[in-house]
C-alpha atoms as a PDB file:
ATOM      1  CA  MET A   1      -4.639 -24.201 -26.062  1.00  0.00           C
ATOM      2  CA  GLU A   2      -5.292 -21.395 -28.516  1.00  0.00           C
ATOM      3  CA  HIS A   3      -5.175 -17.753 -27.530  1.00  0.00           C
ATOM      4  CA  PRO A   4      -6.349 -14.624 -29.365  1.00  0.00           C
ATOM      5  CA  LYS A   5      -3.688 -12.661 -31.188  1.00  0.00           C
ATOM      6  CA  VAL A   6      -2.451  -9.552 -29.406  1.00  0.00           C
ATOM      7  CA  THR A   7      -1.543  -6.412 -31.313  1.00  0.00           C
ATOM      8  CA  ASN A   8       1.461  -4.209 -30.600  1.00  0.00           C
ATOM      9  CA  GLU A   9      -0.960  -1.455 -29.578  1.00  0.00           C
ATOM     10  CA  GLU A  10      -2.560  -3.760 -27.016  1.00  0.00           C
ATOM     11  CA  MET A  11       0.843  -4.785 -25.707  1.00  0.00           C
ATOM     12  CA  MET A  12       1.957  -1.182 -25.255  1.00  0.00           C
ATOM     13  CA  LYS A  13      -1.074  -0.618 -23.028  1.00  0.00           C
ATOM     14  CA  ARG A  14       0.428  -3.259 -20.733  1.00  0.00           C
ATOM     15  CA  VAL A  15       3.660  -1.311 -20.252  1.00  0.00           C
ATOM     16  CA  LEU A  16       4.009   0.756 -17.065  1.00  0.00           C
ATOM     17  CA  ARG A  17       7.006   3.034 -16.742  1.00  0.00           C
ATOM     18  CA  PHE A  18       8.061   4.328 -13.356  1.00  0.00           C
ATOM     19  CA  SER A  19       8.203   7.858 -14.754  1.00  0.00           C
ATOM     20  CA  GLU A  20       4.416   7.640 -15.187  1.00  0.00           C
ATOM     21  CA  VAL A  21       3.668   5.525 -12.121  1.00  0.00           C
ATOM     22  CA  ARG A  22       5.217   8.101  -9.800  1.00  0.00           C
ATOM     23  CA  LYS A  23       2.729  10.718 -11.053  1.00  0.00           C
ATOM     24  CA  ASN A  24      -0.234   8.726  -9.724  1.00  0.00           C
ATOM     25  CA  PRO A  25       0.126   8.310  -5.951  1.00  0.00           C
ATOM     26  CA  ILE A  26      -2.820   7.803  -3.615  1.00  0.00           C
ATOM     27  CA  PRO A  27      -1.824   9.289  -0.229  1.00  0.00           C
ATOM     28  CA  VAL A  28      -4.968   8.412   1.755  1.00  0.00           C
ATOM     29  CA  MET A  29      -5.709   4.921   0.482  1.00  0.00           C
ATOM     30  CA  PHE A  30      -6.454   3.388   3.906  1.00  0.00           C
ATOM     31  CA  ILE A  31      -7.775   4.557   7.272  1.00  0.00           C
ATOM     32  CA  ASP A  32      -4.288   4.259   8.776  1.00  0.00           C
ATOM     33  CA  SER A  33      -2.774   6.528   6.111  1.00  0.00           C
ATOM     34  CA  VAL A  34      -3.357   9.686   8.146  1.00  0.00           C
ATOM     35  CA  GLN A  35      -1.999   8.322  11.413  1.00  0.00           C
ATOM     36  CA  LYS A  36       1.469   9.125  12.732  1.00  0.00           C
ATOM     37  CA  GLY A  37       3.983   6.496  11.683  1.00  0.00           C
ATOM     38  CA  HIS A  38       1.825   5.166   8.851  1.00  0.00           C
ATOM     39  CA  GLN A  39       1.829   7.972   6.279  1.00  0.00           C
ATOM     40  CA  ARG A  40       2.922   6.960   2.786  1.00  0.00           C
ATOM     41  CA  LEU A  41       2.316   7.249  -0.923  1.00  0.00           C
ATOM     42  CA  ASN A  42       0.422   4.270  -2.342  1.00  0.00           C
ATOM     43  CA  TYR A  43       0.458   3.219  -5.995  1.00  0.00           C
ATOM     44  CA  SER A  44      -2.016   0.875  -7.668  1.00  0.00           C
ATOM     45  CA  LEU A  45      -0.413  -0.763 -10.681  1.00  0.00           C
ATOM     46  CA  ILE A  46      -2.722  -3.749 -11.200  1.00  0.00           C
ATOM     47  CA  GLY A  47      -5.980  -4.240  -9.298  1.00  0.00           C
ATOM     48  CA  ASP A  48      -7.324  -2.350  -6.288  1.00  0.00           C
ATOM     49  CA  GLY A  49      -4.458  -3.220  -3.941  1.00  0.00           C
ATOM     50  CA  ALA A  50      -6.873  -3.814  -1.029  1.00  0.00           C
ATOM     51  CA  SER A  51      -7.714  -0.098  -0.960  1.00  0.00           C
ATOM     52  CA  GLU A  52     -10.439   1.322   1.272  1.00  0.00           C
ATOM     53  CA  ASN A  53     -10.568   4.430  -0.917  1.00  0.00           C
ATOM     54  CA  PRO A  54     -12.550   3.662  -4.113  1.00  0.00           C
ATOM     55  CA  ASP A  55     -11.808   6.942  -5.879  1.00  0.00           C
ATOM     56  CA  PHE A  56      -9.009   5.793  -8.139  1.00  0.00           C
ATOM     57  CA  SER A  57      -8.335   3.345 -10.958  1.00  0.00           C
ATOM     58  CA  PRO A  58      -5.390   0.955 -11.304  1.00  0.00           C
ATOM     59  CA  MET A  59      -2.920   2.048 -13.935  1.00  0.00           C
ATOM     60  CA  LEU A  60      -3.213  -1.238 -15.806  1.00  0.00           C
ATOM     61  CA  ASP A  61      -6.840  -2.385 -15.891  1.00  0.00           C
ATOM     62  CA  ALA A  62      -6.518  -5.552 -18.003  1.00  0.00           C
ATOM     63  CA  PRO A  63      -7.787  -8.609 -16.065  1.00  0.00           C
ATOM     64  CA  HIS A  64      -5.152 -10.445 -14.022  1.00  0.00           C
ATOM     65  CA  THR A  65      -5.184 -13.254 -11.468  1.00  0.00           C
ATOM     66  CA  PHE A  66      -3.043 -11.172  -9.116  1.00  0.00           C
ATOM     67  CA  GLN A  67      -2.754  -7.567  -7.986  1.00  0.00           C
ATOM     68  CA  ILE A  68       0.303  -5.336  -7.674  1.00  0.00           C
ATOM     69  CA  GLY A  69       0.882  -2.188  -5.671  1.00  0.00           C
ATOM     70  CA  MET A  70       3.768  -0.127  -4.337  1.00  0.00           C
ATOM     71  CA  HIS A  71       4.476   2.127  -1.353  1.00  0.00           C
ATOM     72  CA  TYR A  72       6.868   4.979  -0.710  1.00  0.00           C
ATOM     73  CA  ALA A  73       7.310   5.856   2.970  1.00  0.00           C
ATOM     74  CA  GLU A  74       9.565   8.036   5.078  1.00  0.00           C
ATOM     75  CA  PRO A  75      11.793   6.469   7.757  1.00  0.00           C
ATOM     76  CA  GLY A  76       9.680   5.149  10.619  1.00  0.00           C
ATOM     77  CA  ASN A  77       6.559   4.912   8.473  1.00  0.00           C
ATOM     78  CA  GLY A  78       4.620   2.064   6.878  1.00  0.00           C
ATOM     79  CA  PRO A  79       1.276   0.221   7.073  1.00  0.00           C
ATOM     80  CA  ALA A  80      -0.198  -0.358  10.537  1.00  0.00           C
ATOM     81  CA  TYR A  81      -1.030  -3.770  12.053  1.00  0.00           C
ATOM     82  CA  HIS A  82      -3.527  -5.559   9.803  1.00  0.00           C
ATOM     83  CA  THR A  83      -4.332  -8.787   7.992  1.00  0.00           C
ATOM     84  CA  HIS A  84      -6.025 -10.105   4.834  1.00  0.00           C
ATOM     85  CA  ASP A  85      -7.851 -13.251   3.721  1.00  0.00           C
ATOM     86  CA  TYR A  86      -5.259 -13.823   1.004  1.00  0.00           C
ATOM     87  CA  VAL A  87      -1.500 -14.016   0.452  1.00  0.00           C
ATOM     88  CA  GLU A  88       0.482 -10.788   0.335  1.00  0.00           C
ATOM     89  CA  MET A  89       4.128 -10.722  -0.805  1.00  0.00           C
ATOM     90  CA  PHE A  90       6.629  -7.875  -0.453  1.00  0.00           C
ATOM     91  CA  VAL A  91       9.874  -6.999  -2.236  1.00  0.00           C
ATOM     92  CA  PRO A  92      11.718  -3.890  -1.011  1.00  0.00           C
ATOM     93  CA  LEU A  93      13.174  -1.857  -3.873  1.00  0.00           C
ATOM     94  CA  LYS A  94      14.794   0.938  -1.868  1.00  0.00           C
ATOM     95  CA  GLY A  95      15.892   1.220   1.735  1.00  0.00           C
ATOM     96  CA  ARG A  96      15.816  -1.251   4.599  1.00  0.00           C
ATOM     97  CA  TRP A  97      12.435  -2.280   5.994  1.00  0.00           C
ATOM     98  CA  THR A  98      11.417  -4.203   9.098  1.00  0.00           C
ATOM     99  CA  PHE A  99       8.429  -6.563   8.860  1.00  0.00           C
ATOM    100  CA  TYR A 100       6.540  -7.656  11.970  1.00  0.00           C
ATOM    101  CA  TRP A 101       4.010 -10.479  12.365  1.00  0.00           C
ATOM    102  CA  GLY A 102       1.871 -12.228  14.949  1.00  0.00           C
ATOM    103  CA  ASN A 103      -1.344 -14.174  15.515  1.00  0.00           C
ATOM    104  CA  ASP A 104      -3.046 -11.839  18.003  1.00  0.00           C
ATOM    105  CA  PRO A 105      -4.309  -8.481  16.671  1.00  0.00           C
ATOM    106  CA  ASP A 106      -4.236  -7.004  20.159  1.00  0.00           C
ATOM    107  CA  GLY A 107      -0.937  -8.529  21.250  1.00  0.00           C
ATOM    108  CA  GLU A 108       2.680  -7.748  20.567  1.00  0.00           C
ATOM    109  CA  PRO A 109       4.240  -9.046  17.337  1.00  0.00           C
ATOM    110  CA  GLU A 110       5.698 -12.526  17.718  1.00  0.00           C
ATOM    111  CA  GLY A 111       8.435 -12.140  15.131  1.00  0.00           C
ATOM    112  CA  SER A 112      10.191  -9.706  12.842  1.00  0.00           C
ATOM    113  CA  THR A 113      12.844  -9.547  10.159  1.00  0.00           C
ATOM    114  CA  GLU A 114      14.752  -6.834   8.361  1.00  0.00           C
ATOM    115  CA  LEU A 115      14.760  -6.831   4.564  1.00  0.00           C
ATOM    116  CA  GLY A 116      16.709  -4.831   2.027  1.00  0.00           C
ATOM    117  CA  PRO A 117      16.428  -4.349  -1.736  1.00  0.00           C
ATOM    118  CA  TRP A 118      15.541  -7.525  -3.665  1.00  0.00           C
ATOM    119  CA  ASP A 119      14.771  -9.512  -0.506  1.00  0.00           C
ATOM    120  CA  CYS A 120      11.282 -11.005  -0.299  1.00  0.00           C
ATOM    121  CA  ILE A 121       8.707 -12.038   2.297  1.00  0.00           C
ATOM    122  CA  SER A 122       5.337 -13.774   1.796  1.00  0.00           C
ATOM    123  CA  MET A 123       2.609 -13.218   4.390  1.00  0.00           C
ATOM    124  CA  PRO A 124      -0.010 -16.011   4.540  1.00  0.00           C
ATOM    125  CA  PRO A 125      -3.726 -15.299   4.993  1.00  0.00           C
ATOM    126  CA  GLY A 126      -4.700 -14.432   8.551  1.00  0.00           C
ATOM    127  CA  ILE A 127      -1.279 -13.532   9.932  1.00  0.00           C
ATOM    128  CA  TRP A 128      -1.237 -10.031  11.394  1.00  0.00           C
ATOM    129  CA  ARG A 129       1.482  -7.861   9.943  1.00  0.00           C
ATOM    130  CA  SER A 130       2.924  -4.358   9.817  1.00  0.00           C
ATOM    131  CA  PHE A 131       6.092  -3.019   8.252  1.00  0.00           C
ATOM    132  CA  GLU A 132       8.076   0.191   8.146  1.00  0.00           C
ATOM    133  CA  VAL A 133      11.149   1.827   6.707  1.00  0.00           C
ATOM    134  CA  ASN A 134      13.811   1.518   9.382  1.00  0.00           C
ATOM    135  CA  LYS A 135      13.910   4.605  11.571  1.00  0.00           C
ATOM    136  CA  ASP A 136      17.664   5.044  11.118  1.00  0.00           C
ATOM    137  CA  GLU A 137      17.445   5.225   7.320  1.00  0.00           C
ATOM    138  CA  LYS A 138      18.453   8.609   5.939  1.00  0.00           C
ATOM    139  CA  GLU A 139      15.983   8.424   3.046  1.00  0.00           C
ATOM    140  CA  GLY A 140      12.538   7.013   2.445  1.00  0.00           C
ATOM    141  CA  GLY A 141      11.974   3.512   1.139  1.00  0.00           C
ATOM    142  CA  VAL A 142      10.020   1.864  -1.670  1.00  0.00           C
ATOM    143  CA  VAL A 143       8.416  -1.582  -1.485  1.00  0.00           C
ATOM    144  CA  PHE A 144       6.695  -3.637  -4.191  1.00  0.00           C
ATOM    145  CA  VAL A 145       3.564  -5.580  -3.172  1.00  0.00           C
ATOM    146  CA  VAL A 146       1.953  -8.585  -4.880  1.00  0.00           C
ATOM    147  CA  LEU A 147      -1.481  -9.791  -3.722  1.00  0.00           C
ATOM    148  CA  ASP A 148      -3.775 -12.656  -4.638  1.00  0.00           C
ATOM    149  CA  GLN A 149      -6.786 -11.659  -6.716  1.00  0.00           C
ATOM    150  CA  HIS A 150      -9.712 -10.953  -4.377  1.00  0.00           C
ATOM    151  CA  ALA A 151     -13.194  -9.487  -4.258  1.00  0.00           C
ATOM    152  CA  VAL A 152     -13.418  -5.784  -3.439  1.00  0.00           C
ATOM    153  CA  TYR A 153     -15.865  -3.889  -1.227  1.00  0.00           C
ATOM    154  CA  GLU A 154     -17.725  -7.040  -0.189  1.00  0.00           C
ATOM    155  CA  GLY A 155     -16.498  -6.943   3.399  1.00  0.00           C
ATOM    156  CA  LYS A 156     -13.730  -5.577   5.609  1.00  0.00           C
ATOM    157  CA  ASP A 157     -10.343  -5.557   3.909  1.00  0.00           C
ATOM    158  CA  PRO A 158      -7.887  -4.968   5.396  1.00  0.00           C
ATOM    159  CA  TYR A 159      -8.841  -6.108   8.897  1.00  0.00           C
ATOM    160  CA  TRP A 160      -7.243  -3.644  11.307  1.00  0.00           C
ATOM    161  CA  ALA A 161      -6.114  -4.118  14.876  1.00  0.00           C
ATOM    162  CA  LYS A 162      -8.499  -2.364  17.267  1.00  0.00           C
ATOM    163  CA  HIS A 163      -6.058   0.418  18.142  1.00  0.00           C
ATOM    164  CA  VAL A 164      -5.633   1.231  14.433  1.00  0.00           C
ATOM    165  CA  GLU A 165      -9.395   1.548  13.915  1.00  0.00           C
ATOM    166  CA  GLU A 166      -9.646   3.743  17.010  1.00  0.00           C
ATOM    167  CA  GLY A 167      -6.766   5.908  15.790  1.00  0.00           C
ATOM    168  CA  GLY A 168      -8.474   6.402  12.446  1.00  0.00           C
ATOM    169  CA  LYS A 169     -11.818   7.284  14.014  1.00  0.00           C
ATOM    170  CA  ALA A 170     -10.136   9.854  16.249  1.00  0.00           C
ATOM    171  CA  LEU A 171      -9.083  11.633  13.053  1.00  0.00           C
ATOM    172  CA  GLY A 172     -12.448  11.144  11.341  1.00  0.00           C
ATOM    173  CA  PHE A 173     -11.532   8.140   9.176  1.00  0.00           C
ATOM    174  CA  TYR A 174     -13.208   4.735   9.217  1.00  0.00           C
ATOM    175  CA  ALA A 175     -14.425   2.043   6.829  1.00  0.00           C
ATOM    176  CA  ASP A 176     -18.007   0.786   6.542  1.00  0.00           C
ATOM    177  CA  GLU A 177     -19.102  -2.872   6.719  1.00  0.00           C
ATOM    178  CA  ASN A 178     -18.127  -3.340   3.056  1.00  0.00           C
ATOM    179  CA  GLY A 179     -14.597  -2.080   3.599  1.00  0.00           C
ATOM    180  CA  MET A 180     -15.181   1.279   1.904  1.00  0.00           C
ATOM    181  CA  MET A 181     -13.728   4.411   3.463  1.00  0.00           C
ATOM    182  CA  VAL A 182     -16.143   6.940   4.957  1.00  0.00           C
ATOM    183  CA  LYS A 183     -14.407  10.248   4.394  1.00  0.00           C
ATOM    184  CA  PRO A 184     -14.519  13.241   6.743  1.00  0.00           C
ATOM    185  CA  ASP A 185     -15.269  16.739   5.474  1.00  0.00           C
ATOM    186  CA  ASN A 186     -11.570  17.655   5.505  1.00  0.00           C
ATOM    187  CA  PHE A 187     -10.521  14.644   3.386  1.00  0.00           C
ATOM    188  CA  ASP A 188      -9.378  16.704   0.378  1.00  0.00           C
ATOM    189  CA  GLU A 189      -7.282  18.991   2.564  1.00  0.00           C
ATOM    190  CA  VAL A 190      -5.627  16.099   4.415  1.00  0.00           C
ATOM    191  CA  ASN A 191      -4.983  14.211   1.187  1.00  0.00           C
ATOM    192  CA  LYS A 192      -3.464  17.300  -0.476  1.00  0.00           C
ATOM    193  CA  ASP A 193      -1.173  18.058   2.474  1.00  0.00           C
ATOM    194  CA  LEU A 194       0.162  14.494   2.592  1.00  0.00           C
ATOM    195  CA  LEU A 195       0.624  14.391  -1.161  1.00  0.00           C
ATOM    196  CA  GLU A 196       2.604  17.626  -1.330  1.00  0.00           C
ATOM    197  CA  ARG A 197       4.891  16.759   1.581  1.00  0.00           C
ATOM    198  CA  LEU A 198       5.623  13.158   0.636  1.00  0.00           C
ATOM    199  CA  GLN A 199       5.872  13.809  -3.107  1.00  0.00           C
ATOM    200  CA  ALA A 200       8.393  16.607  -2.520  1.00  0.00           C
ATOM    201  CA  ARG A 201      10.571  14.318  -0.412  1.00  0.00           C
ATOM    202  CA  MET A 202      10.334  11.431  -2.850  1.00  0.00           C
ATOM    203  CA  ASP A 203      11.239  13.693  -5.783  1.00  0.00           C
ATOM    204  CA  ALA A 204      14.289  14.935  -3.854  1.00  0.00           C
ATOM    205  CA  GLU A 205      15.431  11.395  -3.058  1.00  0.00           C
ATOM    206  CA  ILE A 206      14.481   9.776  -6.380  1.00  0.00           C
ATOM    207  CA  PRO A 207      14.726  12.570  -8.976  1.00  0.00           C
ATOM    208  CA  PRO A 208      12.163  12.235 -11.771  1.00  0.00           C
ATOM    209  CA  ASN A 209      14.945  12.295 -14.359  1.00  0.00           C
ATOM    210  CA  GLY A 210      17.495  10.485 -12.208  1.00  0.00           C
END
């Protein structure tokens, strides 16, 4: 198989350094992002990362057959109970995280496991899952996420448990039938407040020049 030649300039466009990645968080990427216990900084490295907020671009936009994202969350925080139609894999980079899973969106999780840096878990399509930085951690955590390539804004994604959707609506956040966030009038204010608080804590725990 022959492939086109790639220039050094083209290759350098495929390099992402954490010093630049950390400058591009998306605080309110999902309808759970504003709810207590689920607030975090989201990063889109490759692909949309299953986002319900369309107002951003991945840092590396060259076509791939997979997508990559990252989260920073405070202790006791992480994505709420949800599922996808595709595989989602997680690798914690900082802190200890607990991952929960089950088959009933309205029931209690059926299993859980604690993971630390460089551990890995792969969630199959359709399994309901949530995860959080352990509450007894003294600092926030970072997790790396790899997703199958998938269509965007052609239907609900993620699928949320009913209580998560209701919690979002109570704060003015929901997604339409295509999975795109419908933003309340105070979106910019909420997004700014989350960004400033979480970015300040992350910078204190992971110094930009550290």
